[in-house]
Protein backbone atom coordinates (compact mmCIF):
# COMPACT_ATOMS: atom_id res chain seq x y z
CA PHE A 1 59.91 31.15 -45.97
CA MET A 2 60.41 31.40 -49.76
CA LYS A 3 61.77 34.69 -50.84
CA PRO A 4 59.81 36.26 -53.84
CA GLN A 5 62.76 36.86 -55.93
CA GLY A 6 62.14 34.47 -58.88
CA PHE A 7 58.90 33.27 -57.97
CA LYS A 8 56.47 32.16 -60.90
CA PHE A 9 53.24 31.33 -60.37
CA SER A 10 52.58 27.38 -61.15
CA PHE A 11 49.79 24.86 -61.32
CA ALA A 12 51.75 22.65 -59.29
CA GLN A 13 52.74 25.29 -56.80
CA VAL A 14 48.76 25.93 -56.17
CA ILE A 15 48.47 22.06 -55.60
CA THR A 16 51.19 21.91 -53.31
CA ALA A 17 49.71 24.58 -51.16
CA LEU A 18 45.89 23.33 -51.33
CA SER A 19 47.29 19.77 -50.64
CA GLY A 20 48.94 21.22 -47.69
CA LEU A 21 45.90 22.90 -46.31
CA PHE A 22 43.98 20.10 -46.99
CA LEU A 23 46.38 17.69 -45.17
CA ALA A 24 46.59 20.46 -42.22
CA ILE A 25 42.86 20.55 -42.02
CA LEU A 26 42.36 16.25 -41.97
CA VAL A 27 45.00 15.93 -39.36
CA THR A 28 42.82 18.51 -37.36
CA MET A 29 39.24 16.94 -37.80
CA VAL A 30 40.93 13.40 -37.71
CA PRO A 31 43.83 13.66 -35.46
CA ASN A 32 44.38 9.34 -35.88
CA ILE A 33 44.52 9.82 -39.66
CA PHE A 34 47.88 8.45 -39.98
CA GLU A 35 47.77 5.61 -37.16
CA MET A 36 44.34 5.05 -38.97
CA LEU A 37 46.60 4.64 -42.71
CA GLY A 38 49.09 2.78 -41.33
CA HIS A 39 47.36 0.24 -39.05
CA GLY A 40 43.49 0.36 -40.40
CA SER A 41 42.22 1.67 -37.16
CA LYS A 42 38.82 3.15 -37.24
CA ILE A 43 38.36 7.01 -37.63
CA LYS A 44 37.85 8.93 -34.78
CA PHE A 45 36.47 12.80 -35.57
CA GLU A 46 37.85 13.78 -32.05
CA HIS A 47 37.89 17.50 -32.87
CA VAL A 48 34.65 18.05 -34.83
CA ALA A 49 32.84 20.33 -32.53
CA THR A 50 29.41 19.49 -34.07
CA LEU A 51 29.81 15.79 -33.07
CA LYS A 52 30.30 17.06 -29.47
CA LEU A 53 27.17 19.18 -29.28
CA ARG A 54 24.39 16.49 -28.72
CA ASP A 55 26.15 16.01 -25.19
CA PHE A 56 25.56 19.41 -23.72
CA PRO A 57 21.99 19.10 -22.91
CA ILE A 58 21.68 15.78 -21.68
CA GLU A 59 24.42 16.74 -19.52
CA LEU A 60 22.69 19.98 -18.38
CA ALA A 61 18.95 17.90 -17.77
CA ILE A 62 21.09 15.93 -15.84
CA LYS A 63 22.54 18.07 -13.75
CA VAL A 64 19.44 20.16 -13.22
CA SER A 65 17.36 17.75 -12.56
CA ASP A 66 19.85 16.51 -9.57
CA VAL A 67 20.19 20.27 -8.26
CA TRP A 68 15.95 20.06 -7.85
CA THR A 69 16.24 16.87 -6.26
CA ASN A 70 18.47 17.79 -3.91
CA SER A 71 17.00 21.24 -2.95
CA ILE A 72 13.22 19.51 -2.57
CA SER A 73 14.90 17.02 -0.40
CA PHE A 74 17.07 19.61 1.71
CA LEU A 75 13.72 21.75 2.25
CA ASP A 76 12.06 18.71 3.23
CA LYS A 77 14.50 17.99 6.31
CA SER A 78 15.70 21.45 6.78
CA PRO A 79 13.63 21.80 10.20
CA ASP A 80 15.48 18.68 11.90
CA LEU A 81 18.98 19.29 10.62
CA ASP A 82 21.94 20.56 12.92
CA ARG A 83 23.95 23.26 11.97
CA HIS A 84 27.01 20.89 10.29
CA LYS A 85 24.52 19.00 8.32
CA ARG A 86 22.77 21.71 6.97
CA THR A 87 25.62 24.16 5.94
CA SER A 88 27.32 20.68 4.31
CA MET A 89 23.79 20.42 2.50
CA ARG A 90 23.72 23.73 1.28
CA HIS A 91 27.02 24.19 0.11
CA ALA A 92 26.34 20.95 -1.86
CA ILE A 93 23.45 22.65 -3.67
CA GLU A 94 25.27 25.97 -3.97
CA SER A 95 28.57 23.84 -5.99
CA LYS A 96 26.06 22.06 -7.93
CA ILE A 97 24.38 25.15 -9.31
CA ASN A 98 27.82 26.97 -9.85
CA ALA A 99 28.75 24.01 -11.96
CA ILE A 100 25.89 24.54 -14.42
CA ASP A 101 27.42 27.91 -15.65
CA PRO A 102 30.63 26.58 -17.10
CA ILE A 103 28.80 23.84 -18.84
CA VAL A 104 26.41 26.10 -20.74
CA GLU A 105 29.68 28.69 -21.44
CA THR A 106 31.54 25.60 -23.32
CA MET A 107 28.29 24.36 -25.05
CA GLY A 108 28.20 27.77 -26.48
CA ASP A 109 31.84 27.67 -27.65
CA PHE A 110 31.32 24.61 -29.35
CA TYR A 111 28.10 25.81 -30.95
CA SER A 112 30.19 28.95 -32.32
CA ALA A 113 32.93 26.89 -33.43
CA SER A 114 30.83 24.09 -35.16
CA TRP A 115 29.53 26.54 -38.00
CA TRP A 116 32.14 26.17 -40.98
CA GLU A 117 32.30 22.54 -40.38
CA LYS A 118 29.28 22.12 -42.82
CA ILE A 119 31.12 21.21 -45.49
CA PHE A 120 32.36 18.47 -43.81
CA PHE A 121 29.58 17.21 -42.94
CA ILE A 122 27.94 17.56 -46.43
CA LEU A 123 30.78 15.68 -47.91
CA ARG A 124 30.32 13.21 -45.35
CA GLY A 125 26.49 12.81 -46.02
CA TRP A 126 25.47 14.19 -42.81
CA PRO A 127 24.25 17.48 -43.75
CA GLN A 128 20.86 17.18 -41.66
CA ARG A 129 22.83 15.94 -38.71
CA TRP A 130 24.72 19.47 -38.72
CA ALA A 131 21.88 21.63 -38.84
CA ASP A 132 19.77 19.33 -36.57
CA ASP A 133 22.01 18.97 -33.61
CA ARG A 134 22.61 22.68 -34.03
CA LYS A 135 19.20 23.89 -34.07
CA HIS A 136 18.88 21.34 -30.93
CA VAL A 137 21.74 23.00 -28.90
CA LYS A 138 20.40 26.55 -29.59
CA ARG A 139 17.16 25.81 -28.02
CA PHE A 140 19.24 24.96 -24.80
CA ILE A 141 21.77 28.12 -25.16
CA ASP A 142 18.80 29.99 -25.25
CA GLY A 143 17.13 28.56 -22.22
CA PHE A 144 20.05 28.69 -20.28
CA GLY A 145 21.32 32.01 -21.47
CA ASP A 146 21.45 35.07 -19.45
CA ASN A 147 18.16 36.61 -20.13
CA ILE A 148 15.29 37.70 -18.13
CA GLY A 149 13.06 34.50 -17.24
CA GLY A 150 15.60 32.11 -18.36
CA VAL A 151 16.64 28.77 -16.60
CA ASP A 152 19.54 30.84 -15.18
CA ASP A 153 17.33 32.86 -13.28
CA ILE A 154 15.41 29.77 -11.56
CA LEU A 155 18.72 28.48 -10.84
CA TYR A 156 19.40 31.40 -9.02
CA MET A 157 16.54 31.59 -7.01
CA VAL A 158 16.54 28.22 -5.85
CA LYS A 159 20.38 29.18 -4.59
CA LYS A 160 19.12 32.13 -3.02
CA VAL A 161 16.13 29.84 -1.46
CA VAL A 162 18.48 27.36 -0.24
CA LEU A 163 21.19 29.46 1.25
CA SER A 164 18.50 31.61 3.36
CA ASP A 165 17.19 28.82 4.92
CA GLU A 166 19.58 29.27 8.01
CA TYR A 167 20.19 27.00 11.11
CA ASP A 168 19.06 30.17 13.29
CA ASN A 169 15.57 30.09 11.50
CA PHE A 170 14.71 27.04 13.19
CA ALA A 171 17.10 27.17 16.33
CA SER A 172 14.83 29.94 18.00
CA LEU A 173 11.29 27.76 17.12
CA SER A 174 9.37 26.46 19.92
CA LYS A 175 8.51 22.52 19.83
CA GLU A 176 4.91 23.41 18.50
CA GLU A 177 6.26 25.95 15.74
CA LYS A 178 8.44 23.57 14.38
CA ALA A 179 6.19 21.06 14.38
CA THR A 180 3.94 23.19 12.58
CA THR A 181 6.36 24.00 9.82
CA LYS A 182 7.22 20.58 9.25
CA ALA A 183 3.12 19.89 8.75
CA GLU A 184 3.06 22.81 6.35
CA ARG A 185 6.09 21.53 4.75
CA ARG A 186 4.69 17.97 4.36
CA GLU A 187 0.98 19.58 2.90
CA ILE A 188 3.01 20.79 -0.22
CA GLN A 189 6.24 18.00 -0.62
CA ASP A 190 3.90 15.34 -2.42
CA GLU A 191 3.12 18.28 -5.23
CA MET A 192 6.64 19.69 -5.37
CA HIS A 193 8.08 16.16 -5.81
CA ALA A 194 5.45 15.44 -8.49
CA LEU A 195 6.48 19.01 -10.31
CA ALA A 196 9.92 18.52 -10.19
CA ASN A 197 9.89 14.93 -11.45
CA SER A 198 7.79 15.85 -14.57
CA VAL A 199 10.09 18.54 -15.39
CA GLY A 200 13.11 16.62 -14.75
CA ASN A 201 11.29 14.03 -17.18
CA HIS A 202 10.16 16.55 -19.53
CA LEU A 203 13.83 18.27 -19.84
CA MET A 204 15.50 14.89 -20.11
CA GLU A 205 13.46 13.91 -22.93
CA ILE A 206 13.97 17.13 -25.04
CA ALA A 207 17.64 16.80 -23.91
CA ARG A 208 17.75 13.96 -26.07
CA PRO A 209 19.35 13.96 -29.75
CA PRO A 210 16.09 14.89 -32.12
CA GLU A 211 16.02 11.28 -33.83
CA ASP A 212 15.42 9.83 -30.15
CA ARG A 213 12.51 11.70 -29.68
CA GLU A 214 10.31 11.03 -32.75
CA SER A 215 7.41 9.87 -30.69
CA TYR A 216 7.60 12.72 -27.72
CA ASN A 217 4.52 14.59 -27.25
CA GLU A 218 6.02 17.94 -25.67
CA ARG A 219 2.60 19.56 -26.22
CA GLU A 220 1.19 16.69 -23.27
CA ALA A 221 4.05 16.88 -21.14
CA ILE A 222 3.67 20.91 -20.70
CA GLU A 223 -0.27 20.23 -19.96
CA GLU A 224 0.93 18.13 -17.38
CA ILE A 225 3.70 20.16 -16.30
CA ALA A 226 0.92 23.15 -16.22
CA ARG A 227 -1.75 20.77 -13.91
CA LEU A 228 0.78 19.67 -11.32
CA GLU A 229 2.06 23.43 -11.22
CA GLY A 230 -1.56 24.25 -10.50
CA ASN A 231 -1.80 21.55 -8.21
CA LEU A 232 0.96 22.83 -5.93
CA ARG A 233 -0.25 26.25 -5.92
CA LYS A 234 -3.49 25.28 -4.61
CA ALA A 235 -1.92 23.11 -1.93
CA TYR A 236 0.42 26.37 -0.83
CA ASP A 237 -2.89 28.38 -0.89
CA LYS A 238 -4.50 25.86 1.99
CA LEU A 239 -1.55 27.01 4.14
CA PRO A 240 -2.97 28.99 6.82
CA ASP A 241 -1.48 33.08 6.78
CA ASP A 242 0.50 33.99 9.41
CA ASP A 243 -2.22 37.12 9.74
CA ASP A 244 -5.09 34.44 9.95
CA GLU A 245 -3.11 32.85 13.08
CA SER A 246 -2.71 36.33 14.94
């Protein structure tokens, strides 16, 4: 470092310092800047956190829908599964659920890191893109956050249900009892699939960037989900209680 003795403040020194700072920021934001200047390559803003934000909601929507589909499929097949196949499917679903938390954490990190990039987007002429993407991702951060009634609680319950569906629960059943269990699950499986598909489609729609879903009617989608949830509840209520059978 330069010794402070004999230092004189000058405009040239200020310009030199600011130029160095600007170059450091530029190299961070545009890591291929020198290649671009030398060979005319296209600018790649690889280190801009805001530009990566919109990918996280879609990734989450795909993974959550995959968990729901596989969980329902497992419960449908459960009475007929042998011990090995059951264990394999249960652990696969558990792994899929456990893989969601790291994505949520990374999304939160990128969101926190993007706050200072507003000036860059203003200079680039994209101020609304910065605001829209952060608002869009904040919705998913809140929805998947560690709060009561959030998606994390729902996924936890799915994991508990799947892991508690053990082989010994069915191994001791008689042929008639197993047939009754399968019949009961068939009574509600259509409604379960319909509800899961509707929720999955809704999640995929709201995960899309704001400008790609202007015509999507969230109110109608939520009303449809509520209707399908009601159908599932009615189908479940029709199943005989153990007390009634005794």
